[in-house]
Amino acid sequence: HYHAQRIEKIIPDVTPVRDIESRTLGNLEHSLVGRAWLKGHTWWNERANLENEVLTLLNEVELRPLLTPVQVAATIAEVSLYAYNGLRALAAIERAIPGTTYRFEVDLRAPGVTGSIDCLGSGGGVTVVIDFKRSKGSNPEFSKWAQFEKIQLWYYLNALQRENLLKEKVVAGYFFFKDFDKSWIAANDGA
């Protein structure tokens, strides 16, 4: 091992410079979903396109030079897979509610309100509000929405209602990119 690593330099000395924080990975996944969606189904169904876009994102946030090749590969694999889960779910909603278009990272503008909605759909007679999460974590069950001051999705819906941007028919939910089978969507009686 010593000869291969030190003399022949066959085995590179890999020392992680930085671990990627969960929040950073989540931000990359959110960004990738928004970018990929705008490029269309045909584009994002090609896994290589998603992987190349992750590399572009890593370069844009100047994170790539701080990562080892192994960390870069792991980040590309995770971010592209998790974002693909979200993209497939958005496509399913699009099929169920024809005419809906999506915007991503939509700033809330109501007085006293800060934040942005991960995915806001409109058209098709329905308002669609999706909150992206990297993993299920401690996100609420639908029955606990009454504690709205702690629940992002409920907060977003209230802000949209104050801005008069909420249609009568509403579809809202959480997409958990990692624990995708735990994701859920709720609709009111009008939807």
N, C-alpha and C. Protein backbone atom coordinates (compact mmCIF):
# COMPACT_ATOMS: atom_id res chain seq x y z
N HIS A 1 0.83 -1.19 0.00
CA HIS A 1 0.00 0.00 0.00
C HIS A 1 0.88 1.25 0.00
N TYR A 2 1.92 1.28 0.84
CA TYR A 2 2.80 2.44 0.91
C TYR A 2 3.45 2.71 -0.45
N HIS A 3 3.97 1.65 -1.07
CA HIS A 3 4.64 1.80 -2.36
C HIS A 3 3.65 2.34 -3.42
N ALA A 4 2.44 1.78 -3.44
CA ALA A 4 1.45 2.21 -4.43
C ALA A 4 1.04 3.66 -4.19
N GLN A 5 0.90 4.03 -2.93
CA GLN A 5 0.43 5.37 -2.64
C GLN A 5 1.53 6.43 -2.73
N ARG A 6 2.67 6.17 -2.14
CA ARG A 6 3.72 7.20 -2.03
C ARG A 6 4.71 7.22 -3.21
N ILE A 7 5.12 6.07 -3.66
CA ILE A 7 6.16 6.04 -4.70
C ILE A 7 5.54 6.06 -6.10
N GLU A 8 4.63 5.14 -6.35
CA GLU A 8 4.01 5.08 -7.67
C GLU A 8 2.85 6.07 -7.81
N LYS A 9 2.35 6.56 -6.69
CA LYS A 9 1.23 7.51 -6.66
C LYS A 9 0.00 6.95 -7.41
N ILE A 10 -0.18 5.64 -7.27
CA ILE A 10 -1.33 4.98 -7.89
C ILE A 10 -2.59 5.26 -7.08
N ILE A 11 -2.47 5.21 -5.76
CA ILE A 11 -3.61 5.45 -4.89
C ILE A 11 -3.51 6.89 -4.40
N PRO A 12 -4.41 7.76 -4.80
CA PRO A 12 -4.31 9.16 -4.38
C PRO A 12 -4.60 9.30 -2.89
N ASP A 13 -3.97 10.26 -2.28
CA ASP A 13 -4.23 10.56 -0.88
C ASP A 13 -5.49 11.41 -0.82
N VAL A 14 -6.57 10.83 -0.33
CA VAL A 14 -7.86 11.53 -0.29
C VAL A 14 -8.15 11.94 1.14
N THR A 15 -8.20 13.23 1.36
CA THR A 15 -8.54 13.77 2.66
C THR A 15 -9.73 14.70 2.48
N PRO A 16 -10.87 14.34 3.06
CA PRO A 16 -12.03 15.21 2.90
C PRO A 16 -11.75 16.61 3.45
N VAL A 17 -12.01 17.60 2.64
CA VAL A 17 -11.82 18.97 3.06
C VAL A 17 -13.07 19.46 3.77
N ARG A 18 -14.21 18.99 3.33
CA ARG A 18 -15.46 19.50 3.87
C ARG A 18 -16.55 18.45 3.68
N ASP A 19 -17.37 18.28 4.69
CA ASP A 19 -18.56 17.46 4.55
C ASP A 19 -19.68 18.34 4.02
N ILE A 20 -20.56 17.77 3.26
CA ILE A 20 -21.69 18.54 2.76
C ILE A 20 -22.81 18.46 3.79
N GLU A 21 -23.30 19.60 4.20
CA GLU A 21 -24.38 19.66 5.18
C GLU A 21 -25.69 19.24 4.52
N SER A 22 -26.59 18.70 5.34
CA SER A 22 -27.90 18.28 4.83
C SER A 22 -28.64 19.44 4.18
N ARG A 23 -28.56 20.60 4.77
CA ARG A 23 -29.24 21.78 4.22
C ARG A 23 -28.72 22.10 2.81
N THR A 24 -27.41 22.00 2.64
CA THR A 24 -26.82 22.27 1.32
C THR A 24 -27.30 21.25 0.30
N LEU A 25 -27.32 19.97 0.70
CA LEU A 25 -27.84 18.94 -0.21
C LEU A 25 -29.29 19.22 -0.57
N GLY A 26 -30.09 19.60 0.42
CA GLY A 26 -31.49 19.94 0.16
C GLY A 26 -31.63 21.10 -0.80
N ASN A 27 -30.81 22.12 -0.63
CA ASN A 27 -30.85 23.27 -1.54
C ASN A 27 -30.49 22.86 -2.96
N LEU A 28 -29.50 21.99 -3.10
CA LEU A 28 -29.12 21.50 -4.42
C LEU A 28 -30.28 20.73 -5.05
N GLU A 29 -30.94 19.89 -4.26
CA GLU A 29 -32.06 19.10 -4.77
C GLU A 29 -33.21 19.99 -5.20
N HIS A 30 -33.54 21.01 -4.39
CA HIS A 30 -34.60 21.96 -4.76
C HIS A 30 -34.26 22.65 -6.07
N SER A 31 -33.03 23.13 -6.17
CA SER A 31 -32.60 23.83 -7.38
C SER A 31 -32.68 22.93 -8.61
N LEU A 32 -32.25 21.69 -8.44
CA LEU A 32 -32.26 20.76 -9.57
C LEU A 32 -33.68 20.47 -10.04
N VAL A 33 -34.62 20.30 -9.12
CA VAL A 33 -36.01 20.05 -9.52
C VAL A 33 -36.52 21.23 -10.35
N GLY A 34 -36.31 22.45 -9.86
CA GLY A 34 -36.80 23.62 -10.59
C GLY A 34 -36.19 23.75 -11.97
N ARG A 35 -34.88 23.58 -12.06
CA ARG A 35 -34.20 23.70 -13.35
C ARG A 35 -34.62 22.59 -14.31
N ALA A 36 -34.63 21.38 -13.80
CA ALA A 36 -34.94 20.23 -14.66
C ALA A 36 -36.38 20.29 -15.16
N TRP A 37 -37.31 20.70 -14.30
CA TRP A 37 -38.70 20.77 -14.71
C TRP A 37 -38.86 21.70 -15.90
N LEU A 38 -38.19 22.83 -15.85
CA LEU A 38 -38.31 23.81 -16.93
C LEU A 38 -37.73 23.29 -18.24
N LYS A 39 -36.82 22.33 -18.17
CA LYS A 39 -36.22 21.78 -19.39
C LYS A 39 -37.08 20.68 -20.01
N GLY A 40 -38.06 20.19 -19.28
CA GLY A 40 -39.02 19.24 -19.83
C GLY A 40 -38.75 17.79 -19.48
N HIS A 41 -39.82 16.99 -19.61
CA HIS A 41 -39.79 15.57 -19.25
C HIS A 41 -38.72 14.79 -20.00
N THR A 42 -38.63 15.05 -21.29
CA THR A 42 -37.65 14.30 -22.09
C THR A 42 -36.25 14.54 -21.57
N TRP A 43 -35.95 15.78 -21.21
CA TRP A 43 -34.61 16.12 -20.73
C TRP A 43 -34.33 15.46 -19.39
N TRP A 44 -35.24 15.63 -18.41
CA TRP A 44 -34.92 15.12 -17.08
C TRP A 44 -35.08 13.61 -16.95
N ASN A 45 -35.72 12.96 -17.89
CA ASN A 45 -35.79 11.50 -17.84
C ASN A 45 -34.46 10.85 -18.20
N GLU A 46 -33.55 11.61 -18.77
CA GLU A 46 -32.19 11.12 -19.05
C GLU A 46 -31.33 11.38 -17.82
N ARG A 47 -30.96 10.33 -17.12
CA ARG A 47 -30.22 10.47 -15.85
C ARG A 47 -28.92 11.26 -16.02
N ALA A 48 -28.26 11.11 -17.15
CA ALA A 48 -27.00 11.83 -17.38
C ALA A 48 -27.23 13.34 -17.38
N ASN A 49 -28.37 13.79 -17.88
CA ASN A 49 -28.67 15.22 -17.86
C ASN A 49 -28.76 15.74 -16.43
N LEU A 50 -29.44 15.00 -15.58
CA LEU A 50 -29.55 15.41 -14.18
C LEU A 50 -28.18 15.43 -13.51
N GLU A 51 -27.40 14.40 -13.76
CA GLU A 51 -26.08 14.31 -13.13
C GLU A 51 -25.18 15.46 -13.58
N ASN A 52 -25.21 15.80 -14.86
CA ASN A 52 -24.42 16.93 -15.36
C ASN A 52 -24.88 18.25 -14.76
N GLU A 53 -26.18 18.37 -14.55
CA GLU A 53 -26.71 19.60 -13.96
C GLU A 53 -26.29 19.74 -12.50
N VAL A 54 -26.18 18.62 -11.78
CA VAL A 54 -25.69 18.68 -10.40
C VAL A 54 -24.26 19.22 -10.40
N LEU A 55 -23.46 18.75 -11.32
CA LEU A 55 -22.08 19.22 -11.43
C LEU A 55 -22.05 20.73 -11.71
N THR A 56 -22.94 21.19 -12.56
CA THR A 56 -23.04 22.62 -12.83
C THR A 56 -23.41 23.38 -11.57
N LEU A 57 -24.37 22.86 -10.81
CA LEU A 57 -24.77 23.51 -9.55
C LEU A 57 -23.62 23.56 -8.56
N LEU A 58 -22.89 22.46 -8.44
CA LEU A 58 -21.74 22.43 -7.53
C LEU A 58 -20.71 23.49 -7.91
N ASN A 59 -20.49 23.67 -9.19
CA ASN A 59 -19.56 24.70 -9.66
C ASN A 59 -20.09 26.10 -9.38
N GLU A 60 -21.39 26.30 -9.58
CA GLU A 60 -21.99 27.62 -9.37
C GLU A 60 -21.90 28.07 -7.92
N VAL A 61 -22.08 27.14 -7.00
CA VAL A 61 -22.01 27.50 -5.57
C VAL A 61 -20.59 27.37 -5.04
N GLU A 62 -19.66 27.13 -5.96
CA GLU A 62 -18.23 27.04 -5.64
C GLU A 62 -17.94 26.01 -4.55
N LEU A 63 -18.66 24.92 -4.62
CA LEU A 63 -18.49 23.84 -3.65
C LEU A 63 -17.58 22.75 -4.19
N ARG A 64 -17.58 22.56 -5.48
CA ARG A 64 -16.83 21.44 -6.06
C ARG A 64 -15.35 21.44 -5.70
N PRO A 65 -14.65 22.58 -5.74
CA PRO A 65 -13.22 22.54 -5.40
C PRO A 65 -12.94 22.12 -3.94
N LEU A 66 -13.95 22.21 -3.09
CA LEU A 66 -13.76 21.87 -1.68
C LEU A 66 -14.03 20.39 -1.39
N LEU A 67 -14.49 19.67 -2.40
CA LEU A 67 -14.88 18.27 -2.21
C LEU A 67 -13.88 17.33 -2.86
N THR A 68 -13.78 16.15 -2.27
CA THR A 68 -12.96 15.11 -2.88
C THR A 68 -13.74 14.52 -4.05
N PRO A 69 -13.07 13.81 -4.95
CA PRO A 69 -13.79 13.16 -6.05
C PRO A 69 -14.89 12.21 -5.55
N VAL A 70 -14.63 11.53 -4.45
CA VAL A 70 -15.63 10.62 -3.89
C VAL A 70 -16.85 11.40 -3.41
N GLN A 71 -16.62 12.52 -2.75
CA GLN A 71 -17.73 13.35 -2.29
C GLN A 71 -18.53 13.93 -3.46
N VAL A 72 -17.84 14.32 -4.51
CA VAL A 72 -18.52 14.84 -5.70
C VAL A 72 -19.41 13.75 -6.29
N ALA A 73 -18.87 12.55 -6.43
CA ALA A 73 -19.64 11.44 -7.01
C ALA A 73 -20.85 11.10 -6.14
N ALA A 74 -20.66 11.08 -4.83
CA ALA A 74 -21.77 10.77 -3.91
C ALA A 74 -22.84 11.86 -3.98
N THR A 75 -22.41 13.10 -4.06
CA THR A 75 -23.36 14.21 -4.15
C THR A 75 -24.15 14.14 -5.45
N ILE A 76 -23.48 13.88 -6.55
CA ILE A 76 -24.16 13.76 -7.84
C ILE A 76 -25.20 12.64 -7.79
N ALA A 77 -24.81 11.50 -7.23
CA ALA A 77 -25.72 10.35 -7.17
C ALA A 77 -26.95 10.68 -6.33
N GLU A 78 -26.73 11.23 -5.14
CA GLU A 78 -27.86 11.51 -4.25
C GLU A 78 -28.77 12.60 -4.79
N VAL A 79 -28.19 13.71 -5.16
CA VAL A 79 -29.00 14.85 -5.60
C VAL A 79 -29.80 14.50 -6.85
N SER A 80 -29.19 13.83 -7.80
CA SER A 80 -29.92 13.48 -9.03
C SER A 80 -31.04 12.48 -8.75
N LEU A 81 -30.79 11.50 -7.87
CA LEU A 81 -31.83 10.51 -7.54
C LEU A 81 -32.99 11.16 -6.79
N TYR A 82 -32.68 11.94 -5.77
CA TYR A 82 -33.74 12.55 -4.97
C TYR A 82 -34.56 13.54 -5.80
N ALA A 83 -33.89 14.33 -6.62
CA ALA A 83 -34.60 15.28 -7.46
C ALA A 83 -35.49 14.54 -8.46
N TYR A 84 -35.00 13.42 -8.98
CA TYR A 84 -35.79 12.63 -9.92
C TYR A 84 -37.09 12.16 -9.26
N ASN A 85 -37.02 11.78 -7.98
CA ASN A 85 -38.25 11.40 -7.25
C ASN A 85 -39.26 12.54 -7.27
N GLY A 86 -38.80 13.75 -6.99
CA GLY A 86 -39.69 14.91 -7.00
C GLY A 86 -40.24 15.21 -8.37
N LEU A 87 -39.42 15.09 -9.38
CA LEU A 87 -39.86 15.36 -10.75
C LEU A 87 -40.94 14.37 -11.20
N ARG A 88 -40.77 13.11 -10.85
CA ARG A 88 -41.79 12.11 -11.22
C ARG A 88 -43.12 12.42 -10.54
N ALA A 89 -43.06 12.86 -9.29
CA ALA A 89 -44.29 13.19 -8.58
C ALA A 89 -44.98 14.42 -9.19
N LEU A 90 -44.19 15.42 -9.55
CA LEU A 90 -44.78 16.59 -10.21
C LEU A 90 -45.42 16.21 -11.54
N ALA A 91 -44.80 15.30 -12.25
CA ALA A 91 -45.37 14.83 -13.52
C ALA A 91 -46.70 14.14 -13.29
N ALA A 92 -46.81 13.39 -12.19
CA ALA A 92 -48.08 12.72 -11.88
C ALA A 92 -49.17 13.75 -11.57
N ILE A 93 -48.82 14.80 -10.86
CA ILE A 93 -49.81 15.85 -10.58
C ILE A 93 -50.20 16.56 -11.86
N GLU A 94 -49.23 16.79 -12.72
CA GLU A 94 -49.51 17.44 -14.00
C GLU A 94 -50.50 16.61 -14.82
N ARG A 95 -50.34 15.30 -14.81
CA ARG A 95 -51.28 14.43 -15.54
C ARG A 95 -52.67 14.49 -14.91
N ALA A 96 -52.73 14.57 -13.58
CA ALA A 96 -54.02 14.59 -12.88
C ALA A 96 -54.73 15.93 -12.99
N ILE A 97 -53.97 17.01 -13.14
CA ILE A 97 -54.54 18.35 -13.23
C ILE A 97 -53.99 19.02 -14.48
N PRO A 98 -54.54 18.68 -15.64
CA PRO A 98 -54.04 19.26 -16.90
C PRO A 98 -54.16 20.78 -16.89
N GLY A 99 -53.18 21.42 -17.49
CA GLY A 99 -53.20 22.88 -17.59
C GLY A 99 -52.48 23.59 -16.46
N THR A 100 -51.96 22.83 -15.51
CA THR A 100 -51.25 23.43 -14.39
C THR A 100 -49.81 23.69 -14.78
N THR A 101 -49.33 24.88 -14.49
CA THR A 101 -47.93 25.20 -14.70
C THR A 101 -47.30 25.48 -13.34
N TYR A 102 -46.01 25.24 -13.22
CA TYR A 102 -45.33 25.35 -11.94
C TYR A 102 -44.26 26.43 -11.97
N ARG A 103 -44.15 27.12 -10.84
CA ARG A 103 -43.05 28.05 -10.59
C ARG A 103 -42.35 27.56 -9.33
N PHE A 104 -41.07 27.87 -9.21
CA PHE A 104 -40.28 27.36 -8.10
C PHE A 104 -39.66 28.50 -7.30
N GLU A 105 -39.53 28.28 -5.99
CA GLU A 105 -38.96 29.29 -5.09
C GLU A 105 -39.68 30.62 -5.26
N VAL A 106 -41.00 30.58 -5.09
CA VAL A 106 -41.86 31.75 -5.26
C VAL A 106 -41.90 32.53 -3.96
N ASP A 107 -41.43 33.78 -3.99
CA ASP A 107 -41.43 34.62 -2.80
C ASP A 107 -42.85 34.99 -2.40
N LEU A 108 -43.09 34.97 -1.09
CA LEU A 108 -44.37 35.42 -0.54
C LEU A 108 -44.29 36.93 -0.35
N ARG A 109 -45.38 37.62 -0.66
CA ARG A 109 -45.34 39.07 -0.62
C ARG A 109 -46.33 39.69 0.37
N ALA A 110 -47.03 38.92 1.15
CA ALA A 110 -48.00 39.46 2.08
C ALA A 110 -47.28 40.22 3.20
N PRO A 111 -47.90 41.30 3.73
CA PRO A 111 -47.27 42.06 4.81
C PRO A 111 -46.92 41.17 6.01
N GLY A 112 -45.71 41.32 6.50
CA GLY A 112 -45.27 40.55 7.66
C GLY A 112 -44.93 39.10 7.37
N VAL A 113 -44.89 38.73 6.09
CA VAL A 113 -44.64 37.34 5.71
C VAL A 113 -43.29 37.26 5.01
N THR A 114 -42.48 36.29 5.40
CA THR A 114 -41.22 36.06 4.72
C THR A 114 -41.15 34.60 4.30
N GLY A 115 -40.35 34.33 3.32
CA GLY A 115 -40.15 32.96 2.87
C GLY A 115 -40.52 32.79 1.42
N SER A 116 -40.33 31.58 0.95
CA SER A 116 -40.69 31.28 -0.44
C SER A 116 -41.26 29.87 -0.50
N ILE A 117 -42.18 29.71 -1.44
CA ILE A 117 -42.83 28.42 -1.64
C ILE A 117 -41.97 27.62 -2.61
N ASP A 118 -41.66 26.39 -2.25
CA ASP A 118 -40.80 25.56 -3.08
C ASP A 118 -41.39 25.35 -4.47
N CYS A 119 -42.69 25.04 -4.53
CA CYS A 119 -43.34 24.80 -5.82
C CYS A 119 -44.78 25.28 -5.75
N LEU A 120 -45.11 26.21 -6.64
CA LEU A 120 -46.46 26.77 -6.69
C LEU A 120 -47.02 26.53 -8.08
N GLY A 121 -48.12 25.80 -8.14
CA GLY A 121 -48.77 25.50 -9.41
C GLY A 121 -50.04 26.31 -9.56
N SER A 122 -50.29 26.75 -10.78
CA SER A 122 -51.52 27.47 -11.07
C SER A 122 -52.00 27.09 -12.46
N GLY A 123 -53.22 27.48 -12.76
CA GLY A 123 -53.84 27.06 -14.01
C GLY A 123 -54.59 25.78 -13.76
N GLY A 124 -55.36 25.36 -14.68
CA GLY A 124 -56.14 24.14 -14.49
C GLY A 124 -57.20 24.30 -13.42
N GLY A 125 -57.44 25.56 -12.96
CA GLY A 125 -58.48 25.82 -11.96
C GLY A 125 -58.12 25.43 -10.55
N VAL A 126 -56.85 25.12 -10.30
CA VAL A 126 -56.43 24.63 -8.99
C VAL A 126 -55.14 25.35 -8.59
N THR A 127 -55.02 25.64 -7.29
CA THR A 127 -53.74 26.09 -6.75
C THR A 127 -53.03 24.87 -6.18
N VAL A 128 -51.80 24.65 -6.60
CA VAL A 128 -51.00 23.53 -6.11
C VAL A 128 -49.83 24.11 -5.32
N VAL A 129 -49.69 23.66 -4.07
CA VAL A 129 -48.59 24.12 -3.22
C VAL A 129 -47.85 22.88 -2.72
N ILE A 130 -46.58 22.78 -3.10
CA ILE A 130 -45.77 21.63 -2.70
C ILE A 130 -44.56 22.14 -1.93
N ASP A 131 -44.33 21.54 -0.78
CA ASP A 131 -43.15 21.85 0.01
C ASP A 131 -42.19 20.67 -0.14
N PHE A 132 -40.99 20.95 -0.63
CA PHE A 132 -39.98 19.91 -0.82
C PHE A 132 -39.20 19.72 0.48
N LYS A 133 -38.97 18.49 0.83
CA LYS A 133 -38.14 18.15 1.98
C LYS A 133 -37.17 17.07 1.54
N ARG A 134 -35.96 17.14 2.05
CA ARG A 134 -34.95 16.14 1.70
C ARG A 134 -35.35 14.77 2.26
N SER A 135 -35.81 14.75 3.52
CA SER A 135 -36.27 13.50 4.12
C SER A 135 -37.45 13.80 5.02
N LYS A 136 -38.13 12.76 5.45
CA LYS A 136 -39.34 12.96 6.22
C LYS A 136 -39.10 13.72 7.50
N GLY A 137 -38.04 13.41 8.22
CA GLY A 137 -37.75 14.13 9.45
C GLY A 137 -38.93 14.17 10.39
N SER A 138 -39.25 15.34 10.88
CA SER A 138 -40.35 15.48 11.84
C SER A 138 -41.53 16.22 11.23
N ASN A 139 -41.76 16.06 9.95
CA ASN A 139 -42.86 16.75 9.31
C ASN A 139 -44.20 16.18 9.77
N PRO A 140 -45.22 17.01 9.74
CA PRO A 140 -46.49 16.67 10.38
C PRO A 140 -47.37 15.73 9.56
N GLU A 141 -48.23 15.06 10.30
CA GLU A 141 -49.31 14.34 9.65
C GLU A 141 -50.41 15.36 9.37
N PHE A 142 -51.27 15.04 8.44
CA PHE A 142 -52.33 15.98 8.06
C PHE A 142 -53.18 16.38 9.26
N SER A 143 -53.44 15.46 10.18
CA SER A 143 -54.29 15.74 11.33
C SER A 143 -53.70 16.77 12.29
N LYS A 144 -52.40 17.09 12.13
CA LYS A 144 -51.75 18.04 13.04
C LYS A 144 -51.58 19.43 12.41
N TRP A 145 -52.24 19.67 11.31
CA TRP A 145 -52.10 20.96 10.64
C TRP A 145 -52.62 22.12 11.48
N ALA A 146 -53.49 21.87 12.44
CA ALA A 146 -54.06 22.94 13.25
C ALA A 146 -52.97 23.73 13.97
N GLN A 147 -51.81 23.11 14.17
CA GLN A 147 -50.69 23.81 14.82
C GLN A 147 -49.93 24.58 13.74
N PHE A 148 -50.66 25.46 13.01
CA PHE A 148 -50.13 26.03 11.77
C PHE A 148 -48.90 26.89 11.96
N GLU A 149 -48.67 27.45 13.13
CA GLU A 149 -47.49 28.31 13.27
C GLU A 149 -46.19 27.53 13.13
N LYS A 150 -46.26 26.21 13.24
CA LYS A 150 -45.08 25.38 13.10
C LYS A 150 -45.04 24.63 11.78
N ILE A 151 -46.04 24.80 10.97
CA ILE A 151 -46.15 24.00 9.76
C ILE A 151 -46.03 24.88 8.53
N GLN A 152 -44.94 24.71 7.78
CA GLN A 152 -44.67 25.56 6.63
C GLN A 152 -45.81 25.57 5.62
N LEU A 153 -46.31 24.43 5.28
CA LEU A 153 -47.31 24.34 4.23
C LEU A 153 -48.56 25.14 4.61
N TRP A 154 -48.98 25.00 5.84
CA TRP A 154 -50.15 25.73 6.32
C TRP A 154 -49.88 27.23 6.30
N TYR A 155 -48.69 27.60 6.67
CA TYR A 155 -48.25 29.00 6.66
C TYR A 155 -48.31 29.54 5.23
N TYR A 156 -47.83 28.78 4.26
CA TYR A 156 -47.86 29.20 2.86
C TYR A 156 -49.30 29.38 2.37
N LEU A 157 -50.15 28.44 2.70
CA LEU A 157 -51.55 28.53 2.26
C LEU A 157 -52.22 29.76 2.85
N ASN A 158 -51.98 30.05 4.12
CA ASN A 158 -52.55 31.25 4.73
C ASN A 158 -52.02 32.52 4.07
N ALA A 159 -50.73 32.55 3.77
CA ALA A 159 -50.15 33.72 3.11
C ALA A 159 -50.75 33.91 1.73
N LEU A 160 -50.91 32.84 0.98
CA LEU A 160 -51.52 32.94 -0.35
C LEU A 160 -52.96 33.43 -0.26
N GLN A 161 -53.66 32.98 0.76
CA GLN A 161 -55.05 33.43 0.94
C GLN A 161 -55.08 34.93 1.24
N ARG A 162 -54.17 35.41 2.10
CA ARG A 162 -54.11 36.85 2.40
C ARG A 162 -53.77 37.67 1.16
N GLU A 163 -53.01 37.09 0.23
CA GLU A 163 -52.64 37.77 -1.00
C GLU A 163 -53.71 37.61 -2.09
N ASN A 164 -54.80 36.92 -1.77
CA ASN A 164 -55.87 36.62 -2.73
C ASN A 164 -55.36 35.85 -3.94
N LEU A 165 -54.41 34.96 -3.71
CA LEU A 165 -53.85 34.15 -4.79
C LEU A 165 -54.29 32.68 -4.70
N LEU A 166 -55.10 32.37 -3.73
CA LEU A 166 -55.52 30.99 -3.52
C LEU A 166 -56.84 30.74 -4.23
N LYS A 167 -56.85 29.77 -5.13
CA LYS A 167 -58.07 29.39 -5.82
C LYS A 167 -58.98 28.62 -4.86
N GLU A 168 -60.22 28.43 -5.28
CA GLU A 168 -61.16 27.68 -4.45
C GLU A 168 -60.72 26.22 -4.31
N LYS A 169 -60.16 25.68 -5.38
CA LYS A 169 -59.66 24.30 -5.36
C LYS A 169 -58.17 24.33 -5.03
N VAL A 170 -57.78 23.54 -4.02
CA VAL A 170 -56.39 23.54 -3.56
C VAL A 170 -55.88 22.11 -3.43
N VAL A 171 -54.68 21.90 -3.93
CA VAL A 171 -53.95 20.65 -3.73
C VAL A 171 -52.64 21.05 -3.07
N ALA A 172 -52.32 20.44 -1.93
CA ALA A 172 -51.10 20.80 -1.21
C ALA A 172 -50.49 19.55 -0.60
N GLY A 173 -49.18 19.58 -0.44
CA GLY A 173 -48.54 18.42 0.17
C GLY A 173 -47.04 18.57 0.30
N TYR A 174 -46.46 17.54 0.84
CA TYR A 174 -45.02 17.45 1.05
C TYR A 174 -44.45 16.36 0.15
N PHE A 175 -43.35 16.67 -0.52
CA PHE A 175 -42.56 15.66 -1.23
C PHE A 175 -41.30 15.43 -0.42
N PHE A 176 -41.13 14.23 0.09
CA PHE A 176 -39.93 13.85 0.83
C PHE A 176 -39.02 13.11 -0.15
N PHE A 177 -38.00 13.79 -0.63
CA PHE A 177 -37.16 13.24 -1.68
C PHE A 177 -36.50 11.92 -1.31
N LYS A 178 -36.03 11.81 -0.08
CA LYS A 178 -35.35 10.58 0.35
C LYS A 178 -36.35 9.49 0.72
N ASP A 179 -37.30 9.83 1.55
CA ASP A 179 -38.32 8.88 2.02
C ASP A 179 -39.58 9.09 1.18
N PHE A 180 -39.45 8.84 -0.12
CA PHE A 180 -40.50 9.25 -1.03
C PHE A 180 -41.84 8.58 -0.76
N ASP A 181 -41.82 7.37 -0.26
CA ASP A 181 -43.08 6.68 0.03
C ASP A 181 -43.84 7.32 1.18
N LYS A 182 -43.22 8.23 1.91
CA LYS A 182 -43.88 8.95 3.01
C LYS A 182 -44.50 10.26 2.53
N SER A 183 -44.25 10.65 1.29
CA SER A 183 -44.81 11.89 0.74
C SER A 183 -46.32 11.81 0.72
N TRP A 184 -46.96 12.96 0.76
CA TRP A 184 -48.42 12.96 0.68
C TRP A 184 -48.94 14.25 0.05
N ILE A 185 -50.12 14.13 -0.52
CA ILE A 185 -50.82 15.24 -1.15
C ILE A 185 -52.25 15.24 -0.61
N ALA A 186 -52.74 16.42 -0.28
CA ALA A 186 -54.12 16.56 0.18
C ALA A 186 -54.84 17.52 -0.75
N ALA A 187 -56.14 17.32 -0.91
CA ALA A 187 -56.96 18.21 -1.74
C ALA A 187 -58.21 18.57 -0.96
N ASN A 188 -58.69 19.81 -1.13
CA ASN A 188 -59.94 20.16 -0.47
C ASN A 188 -61.11 19.59 -1.28
N ASP A 189 -62.30 19.78 -0.80
CA ASP A 189 -63.48 19.20 -1.45
C ASP A 189 -63.69 19.72 -2.85
N GLY A 190 -63.19 20.93 -3.13
CA GLY A 190 -63.39 21.51 -4.46
C GLY A 190 -62.47 20.94 -5.52
N ALA A 191 -61.35 20.30 -5.08
CA ALA A 191 -60.36 19.84 -6.06
C ALA A 191 -60.62 18.43 -6.51
